[in-house]
Protein backbone atom coordinates (compact mmCIF):
# COMPACT_ATOMS: atom_id res chain seq x y z
CA UNK A 1 -0.06 0.10 -0.03
CA UNK A 2 1.99 2.89 -1.44
CA UNK A 3 -0.61 5.68 -1.31
CA UNK A 4 -1.70 7.56 1.88
CA UNK A 5 -3.83 5.16 4.17
CA UNK A 6 -7.17 6.73 5.13
CA UNK A 7 -9.01 5.04 8.17
CA UNK A 8 -12.82 5.72 8.74
CA UNK A 9 -13.81 5.15 12.22
CA UNK A 10 -16.96 5.94 14.56
CA UNK A 11 -15.44 7.46 17.75
CA UNK A 12 -12.31 9.01 18.94
CA UNK A 13 -10.19 6.14 19.98
CA UNK A 14 -12.01 3.54 17.90
CA UNK A 15 -9.51 3.43 15.08
CA UNK A 16 -6.51 3.14 17.41
CA UNK A 17 -8.03 0.27 19.41
CA UNK A 18 -9.22 -1.44 16.26
CA UNK A 19 -6.56 -0.98 13.75
CA UNK A 20 -3.66 0.98 15.42
CA UNK A 21 -1.12 -1.32 14.13
CA UNK A 22 -2.03 -0.90 10.53
CA UNK A 23 -2.15 2.90 11.01
CA UNK A 24 1.32 2.68 12.76
CA UNK A 25 2.72 0.56 9.66
CA UNK A 26 1.66 3.30 7.25
CA UNK A 27 3.29 6.60 8.08
CA UNK A 28 1.28 9.57 7.21
CA UNK A 29 -1.94 8.09 7.55
CA UNK A 30 -5.43 10.09 8.15
CA UNK A 31 -7.85 8.98 10.58
CA UNK A 32 -11.43 10.26 9.81
CA UNK A 33 -13.45 10.24 12.91
CA UNK A 34 -17.45 10.46 12.18
CA UNK A 35 -18.68 11.19 15.61
CA UNK A 36 -16.36 13.90 16.83
CA UNK A 37 -18.68 16.81 16.73
CA UNK A 38 -18.65 19.21 19.85
CA UNK A 39 -22.25 19.27 21.46
CA UNK A 40 -22.26 23.07 22.26
CA UNK A 41 -25.94 22.81 23.46
CA UNK A 42 -25.72 19.55 25.43
CA UNK A 43 -25.48 19.71 29.30
CA UNK A 44 -26.53 16.42 30.75
CA UNK A 45 -23.53 14.30 31.67
CA UNK A 46 -23.84 10.63 30.69
CA UNK A 47 -22.73 7.82 32.92
CA UNK A 48 -20.07 6.93 30.63
CA UNK A 49 -18.67 10.43 30.50
CA UNK A 50 -18.92 10.68 34.35
CA UNK A 51 -16.91 7.51 34.69
CA UNK A 52 -14.29 8.96 32.31
CA UNK A 53 -13.98 12.06 34.60
CA UNK A 54 -15.86 14.57 32.55
CA UNK A 55 -18.15 17.33 34.11
CA UNK A 56 -19.73 18.36 30.59
CA UNK A 57 -20.18 17.03 27.03
CA UNK A 58 -18.14 19.95 25.87
CA UNK A 59 -15.36 19.15 27.99
CA UNK A 60 -15.56 15.49 27.11
CA UNK A 61 -15.35 15.85 23.39
CA UNK A 62 -12.55 18.61 23.58
CA UNK A 63 -10.58 16.47 25.83
CA UNK A 64 -10.89 13.40 23.73
CA UNK A 65 -9.91 15.27 20.54
CA UNK A 66 -6.82 16.31 22.42
CA UNK A 67 -6.09 12.74 23.45
CA UNK A 68 -6.79 11.54 19.86
CA UNK A 69 -4.31 14.03 18.47
CA UNK A 70 -1.62 12.87 20.93
CA UNK A 71 -2.24 9.14 20.07
CA UNK A 72 -2.35 9.77 16.40
CA UNK A 73 1.01 11.59 16.74
CA UNK A 74 2.54 8.43 18.31
CA UNK A 75 1.52 6.67 15.08
CA UNK A 76 2.96 9.26 12.66
CA UNK A 77 -0.79 9.87 11.57
CA UNK A 78 -3.18 12.94 11.30
CA UNK A 79 -6.89 13.39 12.53
CA UNK A 80 -9.85 14.46 10.69
CA UNK A 81 -12.82 15.14 12.76
CA UNK A 82 -16.31 15.22 11.22
CA UNK A 83 -19.06 17.26 13.02
CA UNK A 84 -21.68 14.39 13.68
CA UNK A 85 -22.54 13.98 17.29
CA UNK A 86 -22.06 11.06 19.40
CA UNK A 87 -25.21 9.15 20.07
CA UNK A 88 -25.04 10.06 23.71
CA UNK A 89 -25.40 13.71 22.88
CA UNK A 90 -28.35 13.29 20.36
CA UNK A 91 -31.92 13.82 21.38
CA UNK A 92 -33.86 10.48 21.65
CA UNK A 93 -36.48 11.90 19.27
CA UNK A 94 -33.95 13.66 16.98
CA UNK A 95 -32.80 12.92 13.52
CA UNK A 96 -33.55 9.48 12.02
CA UNK A 97 -30.96 6.88 11.30
CA UNK A 98 -31.73 7.43 7.56
CA UNK A 99 -30.85 10.94 7.78
CA UNK A 100 -28.02 10.38 9.85
CA UNK A 101 -26.42 7.86 7.54
CA UNK A 102 -26.96 10.32 4.85
CA UNK A 103 -25.34 12.93 6.49
CA UNK A 104 -22.31 10.81 7.32
CA UNK A 105 -22.22 9.78 3.84
CA UNK A 106 -22.01 13.42 2.60
CA UNK A 107 -19.51 14.39 5.17
CA UNK A 108 -17.17 11.41 4.37
CA UNK A 109 -17.47 12.06 0.54
CA UNK A 110 -16.19 15.69 1.07
CA UNK A 111 -13.51 14.52 3.45
CA UNK A 112 -12.10 12.05 0.94
CA UNK A 113 -12.35 14.66 -1.80
CA UNK A 114 -10.34 17.05 0.35
CA UNK A 115 -7.71 14.56 1.44
CA UNK A 116 -7.12 12.22 -1.28
CA UNK A 117 -8.15 8.44 -1.93
CA UNK A 118 -5.34 6.08 -1.14
CA UNK A 119 -6.18 2.73 0.55
CA UNK A 120 -9.29 3.22 2.65
CA UNK A 121 -10.09 1.01 5.87
CA UNK A 122 -13.59 1.05 7.36
CA UNK A 123 -15.12 -0.61 10.23
CA UNK A 124 -17.10 -3.73 10.20
CA UNK A 125 -19.69 -1.90 12.23
CA UNK A 126 -19.99 -4.95 14.73
CA UNK A 127 -21.38 -2.82 17.69
CA UNK A 128 -24.94 -1.06 17.60
CA UNK A 129 -25.72 2.38 17.20
CA UNK A 130 -22.95 4.49 15.92
CA UNK A 131 -20.55 1.82 14.71
CA UNK A 132 -23.40 0.62 12.57
CA UNK A 133 -24.26 3.83 11.09
CA UNK A 134 -20.72 4.54 10.39
CA UNK A 135 -20.22 1.23 8.70
CA UNK A 136 -23.44 1.61 6.56
CA UNK A 137 -22.41 4.97 5.32
CA UNK A 138 -18.99 3.75 4.44
CA UNK A 139 -20.40 0.70 2.66
CA UNK A 140 -22.43 2.93 0.30
CA UNK A 141 -19.05 4.46 -0.61
CA UNK A 142 -17.40 1.14 -1.16
CA UNK A 143 -20.20 0.20 -3.60
CA UNK A 144 -20.07 3.44 -5.43
CA UNK A 145 -16.19 3.63 -5.77
CA UNK A 146 -15.06 0.19 -6.96
CA UNK A 147 -11.92 1.88 -8.28
CA UNK A 148 -10.49 2.53 -4.86
CA UNK A 149 -8.64 -0.12 -2.60
CA UNK A 150 -11.03 -0.89 0.26
CA UNK A 151 -10.12 -2.68 3.58
CA UNK A 152 -12.49 -3.66 6.47
CA UNK A 153 -11.12 -3.81 9.81
CA UNK A 154 -12.75 -5.59 12.92
CA UNK A 155 -14.20 -3.15 15.49
CA UNK A 156 -12.38 -3.45 19.03
CA UNK A 157 -14.05 -5.93 21.48
CA UNK A 158 -16.38 -7.35 18.96
CA UNK A 159 -17.83 -11.10 19.51
CA UNK A 160 -16.41 -13.53 17.04
CA UNK A 161 -19.94 -14.64 16.02
CA UNK A 162 -20.81 -10.90 15.27
CA UNK A 163 -17.81 -10.82 12.92
CA UNK A 164 -18.72 -14.06 11.11
CA UNK A 165 -22.35 -12.75 10.50
CA UNK A 166 -21.10 -9.46 9.12
CA UNK A 167 -18.81 -11.26 6.67
CA UNK A 168 -21.74 -13.42 5.57
CA UNK A 169 -23.60 -10.00 5.02
CA UNK A 170 -20.85 -8.56 2.97
CA UNK A 171 -20.62 -11.73 0.76
CA UNK A 172 -24.43 -11.54 0.00
CA UNK A 173 -24.05 -7.94 -0.96
CA UNK A 174 -21.36 -9.15 -3.50
CA UNK A 175 -18.44 -7.49 -1.84
CA UNK A 176 -16.31 -10.76 -1.76
CA UNK A 177 -14.68 -10.06 1.83
CA UNK A 178 -11.16 -12.04 1.60
CA UNK A 179 -8.94 -12.12 4.73
CA UNK A 180 -5.61 -10.14 4.62
CA UNK A 181 -2.42 -11.12 6.43
CA UNK A 182 -1.18 -7.63 6.81
CA UNK A 183 0.39 -8.40 10.12
CA UNK A 184 2.99 -10.65 8.36
CA UNK A 185 4.52 -7.23 6.89
CA UNK A 186 7.93 -6.20 8.82
CA UNK A 187 6.73 -2.82 9.37
CA UNK A 188 4.12 -3.95 11.78
CA UNK A 189 6.51 -5.41 14.54
CA UNK A 190 7.52 -1.87 15.43
CA UNK A 191 3.86 -0.74 14.79
CA UNK A 192 2.74 -2.95 17.82
CA UNK A 193 4.81 -0.96 20.24
CA UNK A 194 3.68 2.20 18.88
CA UNK A 195 -0.08 1.21 19.07
CA UNK A 196 0.72 0.58 22.87
CA UNK A 197 2.08 4.02 23.50
CA UNK A 198 -0.82 5.50 21.47
CA UNK A 199 -3.61 3.68 23.48
CA UNK A 200 -2.22 4.97 26.60
CA UNK A 201 -2.82 8.57 25.49
CA UNK A 202 -6.63 8.06 25.72
CA UNK A 203 -6.43 8.64 29.51
CA UNK A 204 -10.02 9.28 29.92
CA UNK A 205 -10.98 6.30 28.03
CA UNK A 206 -8.74 4.15 30.13
CA UNK A 207 -10.48 5.48 33.16
CA UNK A 208 -13.88 4.59 31.82
CA UNK A 209 -12.80 1.02 30.98
CA UNK A 210 -11.19 0.63 34.56
CA UNK A 211 -14.59 2.01 36.12
CA UNK A 212 -16.32 -0.84 34.03
CA UNK A 213 -13.87 -3.43 35.20
CA UNK A 214 -12.40 -3.98 31.70
CA UNK A 215 -8.81 -3.89 30.74
CA UNK A 216 -7.22 -2.33 27.65
CA UNK A 217 -6.16 -5.79 26.48
CA UNK A 218 -9.71 -7.10 26.68
CA UNK A 219 -10.73 -4.33 24.26
CA UNK A 220 -7.73 -3.86 21.89
CA UNK A 221 -7.29 -7.38 20.89
CA UNK A 222 -5.76 -9.04 17.81
CA UNK A 223 -6.19 -6.91 14.55
CA UNK A 224 -8.02 -8.81 11.69
CA UNK A 225 -8.74 -7.36 8.25
CA UNK A 226 -10.59 -8.21 4.93
CA UNK A 227 -10.20 -6.86 1.53
CA UNK A 228 -13.44 -5.85 -0.15
CA UNK A 229 -14.09 -5.85 -3.83
CA UNK A 230 -17.01 -6.00 -6.11
């Protein structure tokens, strides 16, 4: 993969947890985070944000952006934050899933036009809510742009059975997911150490996992990839 790697990810931190070794093996990669909008008019602190040590939604996203930049610096990568809001900051009776998916698709298309199109890694969308929305929007791009090199990566902490079902769905859609043995590349040996340093930059995220009784190792497991093609 000689061109600049582009990684699409739902939340701040998801890319490093799910495919940090891939990012670290490709200097100059760009990570596009879909749900990185700062909720200027949201005031209720969710249980998750409270566990992470935040007093307001604005503080949460601002701090997570700062941590994200520091983490990506460890991997010689850069951030691109889209303005969509995390589900915990959206009103229950707000925008429909279909409208959100269309908004994500529009913003992703603009971001790719602005930053160029090398190989693009997208999430398998194995978790409900925002992960699924980001996956569906990215999949629409995959089906539109068969001239690009597409890679799917496994969302961190996803059950194996969920992975198998998603791969079957992609096969039915005619995208022919084929396993990629990227971790055999020599550049990945150093990337694994760099990923560990990058994960530690997400201090608030680690506090949240600790409060839930989960370790980083239980979340950031072995990275797995598939090539997508029509």
